[in-house]
Amino acid sequence: MRILAVFAPERQKIFPDAPTAREQGLDLVLSQWRGVFAPEGTPPEVIQDLENIFRQIAADPDFIKQNEELGSNIQFTPSAEYTKIMVAEDQYYLDIIKANKMGDLYGGK
């Protein structure tokens, strides 16, 4: 098996010979984001406690090392900023779906 491209802004350490999509003329970067969610109405102090715990985990050298070995780039993002990113990502993909008439809701087949 040969990796044709990675959809990251730059080449990945785990696959140094795999070019990015941009290097091949396709201006496309895709990321995978993951997060932890709390129910609506969770007290702000609980949200802050959770943020502090996950910030510590993301900064742990062993956790960082294990993720690097897996080719995963970890980036801690506070909840308010993460919410903005999720909303923007949802809109980005919705725009692609609508522009290309993908799916029954948007004129696709």
C-alpha atoms as a PDB file:
ATOM      1  CA  MET A   1       0.000   0.000   0.000  1.00  0.00           C
ATOM      2  CA  ARG A   2       1.230   3.489  -0.840  1.00  0.00           C
ATOM      3  CA  ILE A   3       0.003   6.731   0.660  1.00  0.00           C
ATOM      4  CA  LEU A   4      -0.909   9.109  -2.134  1.00  0.00           C
ATOM      5  CA  ALA A   5      -1.400  12.219  -0.003  1.00  0.00           C
ATOM      6  CA  VAL A   6      -2.035  13.560   3.440  1.00  0.00           C
ATOM      7  CA  PHE A   7      -4.663  16.242   3.886  1.00  0.00           C
ATOM      8  CA  ALA A   8      -2.672  18.193   6.453  1.00  0.00           C
ATOM      9  CA  PRO A   9      -1.072  21.613   6.042  1.00  0.00           C
ATOM     10  CA  GLU A  10       2.370  19.997   6.060  1.00  0.00           C
ATOM     11  CA  ARG A  11       3.934  16.571   5.723  1.00  0.00           C
ATOM     12  CA  GLN A  12       3.493  14.286   8.705  1.00  0.00           C
ATOM     13  CA  LYS A  13       6.453  12.971  10.704  1.00  0.00           C
ATOM     14  CA  ILE A  14       5.027   9.464  10.656  1.00  0.00           C
ATOM     15  CA  PHE A  15       4.778   9.531   6.810  1.00  0.00           C
ATOM     16  CA  PRO A  16       7.612  11.856   5.724  1.00  0.00           C
ATOM     17  CA  ASP A  17       7.561  10.702   2.097  1.00  0.00           C
ATOM     18  CA  ALA A  18       3.829  11.228   1.625  1.00  0.00           C
ATOM     19  CA  PRO A  19       3.181  14.586  -0.034  1.00  0.00           C
ATOM     20  CA  THR A  20       0.393  16.879   1.070  1.00  0.00           C
ATOM     21  CA  ALA A  21      -2.615  17.458  -1.149  1.00  0.00           C
ATOM     22  CA  ARG A  22      -1.451  21.062  -1.559  1.00  0.00           C
ATOM     23  CA  GLU A  23       1.927  19.904  -2.830  1.00  0.00           C
ATOM     24  CA  GLN A  24       0.018  18.075  -5.540  1.00  0.00           C
ATOM     25  CA  GLY A  25      -2.062  21.063  -6.535  1.00  0.00           C
ATOM     26  CA  LEU A  26      -5.208  20.337  -4.530  1.00  0.00           C
ATOM     27  CA  ASP A  27      -5.821  23.151  -2.047  1.00  0.00           C
ATOM     28  CA  LEU A  28      -7.529  20.991   0.553  1.00  0.00           C
ATOM     29  CA  VAL A  29      -6.752  20.490   4.218  1.00  0.00           C
ATOM     30  CA  LEU A  30      -8.961  18.199   6.252  1.00  0.00           C
ATOM     31  CA  SER A  31      -8.634  17.834   9.968  1.00  0.00           C
ATOM     32  CA  GLN A  32     -10.266  15.590  12.478  1.00  0.00           C
ATOM     33  CA  TRP A  33     -11.382  17.264  15.628  1.00  0.00           C
ATOM     34  CA  ARG A  34     -12.536  15.612  18.761  1.00  0.00           C
ATOM     35  CA  GLY A  35     -13.900  17.105  21.893  1.00  0.00           C
ATOM     36  CA  VAL A  36     -15.577  16.501  25.182  1.00  0.00           C
ATOM     37  CA  PHE A  37     -19.066  17.877  25.609  1.00  0.00           C
ATOM     38  CA  ALA A  38     -21.093  18.717  28.688  1.00  0.00           C
ATOM     39  CA  PRO A  39     -24.856  19.077  28.868  1.00  0.00           C
ATOM     40  CA  GLU A  40     -26.370  22.489  28.275  1.00  0.00           C
ATOM     41  CA  GLY A  41     -26.661  24.339  31.565  1.00  0.00           C
ATOM     42  CA  THR A  42     -23.516  22.848  33.077  1.00  0.00           C
ATOM     43  CA  PRO A  43     -22.209  25.398  35.596  1.00  0.00           C
ATOM     44  CA  PRO A  44     -19.312  27.517  34.283  1.00  0.00           C
ATOM     45  CA  GLU A  45     -17.054  26.399  37.148  1.00  0.00           C
ATOM     46  CA  VAL A  46     -17.516  22.762  36.107  1.00  0.00           C
ATOM     47  CA  ILE A  47     -16.679  23.657  32.506  1.00  0.00           C
ATOM     48  CA  GLN A  48     -13.561  25.467  33.744  1.00  0.00           C
ATOM     49  CA  ASP A  49     -12.530  22.468  35.876  1.00  0.00           C
ATOM     50  CA  LEU A  50     -12.912  20.171  32.861  1.00  0.00           C
ATOM     51  CA  GLU A  51     -10.903  22.560  30.681  1.00  0.00           C
ATOM     52  CA  ASN A  52      -8.110  22.617  33.249  1.00  0.00           C
ATOM     53  CA  ILE A  53      -8.010  18.817  33.441  1.00  0.00           C
ATOM     54  CA  PHE A  54      -7.864  18.396  29.645  1.00  0.00           C
ATOM     55  CA  ARG A  55      -5.292  21.182  29.314  1.00  0.00           C
ATOM     56  CA  GLN A  56      -3.062  19.246  31.745  1.00  0.00           C
ATOM     57  CA  ILE A  57      -3.588  15.996  29.852  1.00  0.00           C
ATOM     58  CA  ALA A  58      -2.740  17.635  26.512  1.00  0.00           C
ATOM     59  CA  ALA A  59       0.488  19.014  28.012  1.00  0.00           C
ATOM     60  CA  ASP A  60       1.611  15.700  29.543  1.00  0.00           C
ATOM     61  CA  PRO A  61       4.913  14.626  27.902  1.00  0.00           C
ATOM     62  CA  ASP A  62       3.970  10.925  27.834  1.00  0.00           C
ATOM     63  CA  PHE A  63       0.603  11.700  26.258  1.00  0.00           C
ATOM     64  CA  ILE A  64       2.268  13.916  23.656  1.00  0.00           C
ATOM     65  CA  LYS A  65       4.876  11.261  22.866  1.00  0.00           C
ATOM     66  CA  GLN A  66       2.287   8.496  22.460  1.00  0.00           C
ATOM     67  CA  ASN A  67       0.221  10.642  20.120  1.00  0.00           C
ATOM     68  CA  GLU A  68       3.237  11.636  18.041  1.00  0.00           C
ATOM     69  CA  GLU A  69       4.083   7.942  17.626  1.00  0.00           C
ATOM     70  CA  LEU A  70       0.562   7.442  16.266  1.00  0.00           C
ATOM     71  CA  GLY A  71       0.898  10.380  13.895  1.00  0.00           C
ATOM     72  CA  SER A  72      -1.665  12.386  15.814  1.00  0.00           C
ATOM     73  CA  ASN A  73      -1.214  16.108  16.431  1.00  0.00           C
ATOM     74  CA  ILE A  74      -2.787  17.144  19.714  1.00  0.00           C
ATOM     75  CA  GLN A  75      -3.882  20.715  20.237  1.00  0.00           C
ATOM     76  CA  PHE A  76      -5.803  21.841  23.305  1.00  0.00           C
ATOM     77  CA  THR A  77      -8.502  24.380  22.545  1.00  0.00           C
ATOM     78  CA  PRO A  78     -10.610  26.092  25.221  1.00  0.00           C
ATOM     79  CA  SER A  79     -14.347  25.464  25.004  1.00  0.00           C
ATOM     80  CA  ALA A  80     -15.411  28.895  23.711  1.00  0.00           C
ATOM     81  CA  GLU A  81     -12.869  28.777  20.885  1.00  0.00           C
ATOM     82  CA  TYR A  82     -13.651  25.112  20.157  1.00  0.00           C
ATOM     83  CA  THR A  83     -17.341  25.940  19.792  1.00  0.00           C
ATOM     84  CA  LYS A  84     -16.491  28.601  17.178  1.00  0.00           C
ATOM     85  CA  ILE A  85     -14.322  26.108  15.275  1.00  0.00           C
ATOM     86  CA  MET A  86     -17.089  23.502  15.250  1.00  0.00           C
ATOM     87  CA  VAL A  87     -19.681  25.980  13.992  1.00  0.00           C
ATOM     88  CA  ALA A  88     -17.316  27.162  11.230  1.00  0.00           C
ATOM     89  CA  GLU A  89     -16.431  23.581  10.203  1.00  0.00           C
ATOM     90  CA  ASP A  90     -20.096  22.607  10.048  1.00  0.00           C
ATOM     91  CA  GLN A  91     -20.829  25.578   7.803  1.00  0.00           C
ATOM     92  CA  TYR A  92     -17.789  24.843   5.603  1.00  0.00           C
ATOM     93  CA  TYR A  93     -18.953  21.300   4.868  1.00  0.00           C
ATOM     94  CA  LEU A  94     -22.583  22.344   4.499  1.00  0.00           C
ATOM     95  CA  ASP A  95     -21.510  24.876   1.865  1.00  0.00           C
ATOM     96  CA  ILE A  96     -19.619  22.154  -0.038  1.00  0.00           C
ATOM     97  CA  ILE A  97     -22.626  19.843   0.142  1.00  0.00           C
ATOM     98  CA  LYS A  98     -25.019  22.538  -1.089  1.00  0.00           C
ATOM     99  CA  ALA A  99     -22.697  23.811  -3.841  1.00  0.00           C
ATOM    100  CA  ASN A 100     -22.291  20.289  -5.198  1.00  0.00           C
ATOM    101  CA  LYS A 101     -25.939  19.317  -4.689  1.00  0.00           C
ATOM    102  CA  MET A 102     -25.003  16.343  -2.575  1.00  0.00           C
ATOM    103  CA  GLY A 103     -27.705  14.423  -0.767  1.00  0.00           C
ATOM    104  CA  ASP A 104     -31.464  14.445  -1.118  1.00  0.00           C
ATOM    105  CA  LEU A 105     -31.906  17.680   0.847  1.00  0.00           C
ATOM    106  CA  TYR A 106     -29.728  19.698  -1.525  1.00  0.00           C
ATOM    107  CA  GLY A 107     -30.699  18.464  -4.975  1.00  0.00           C
ATOM    108  CA  GLY A 108     -28.506  15.389  -5.115  1.00  0.00           C
ATOM    109  CA  LYS A 109     -29.451  11.850  -5.942  1.00  0.00           C
END
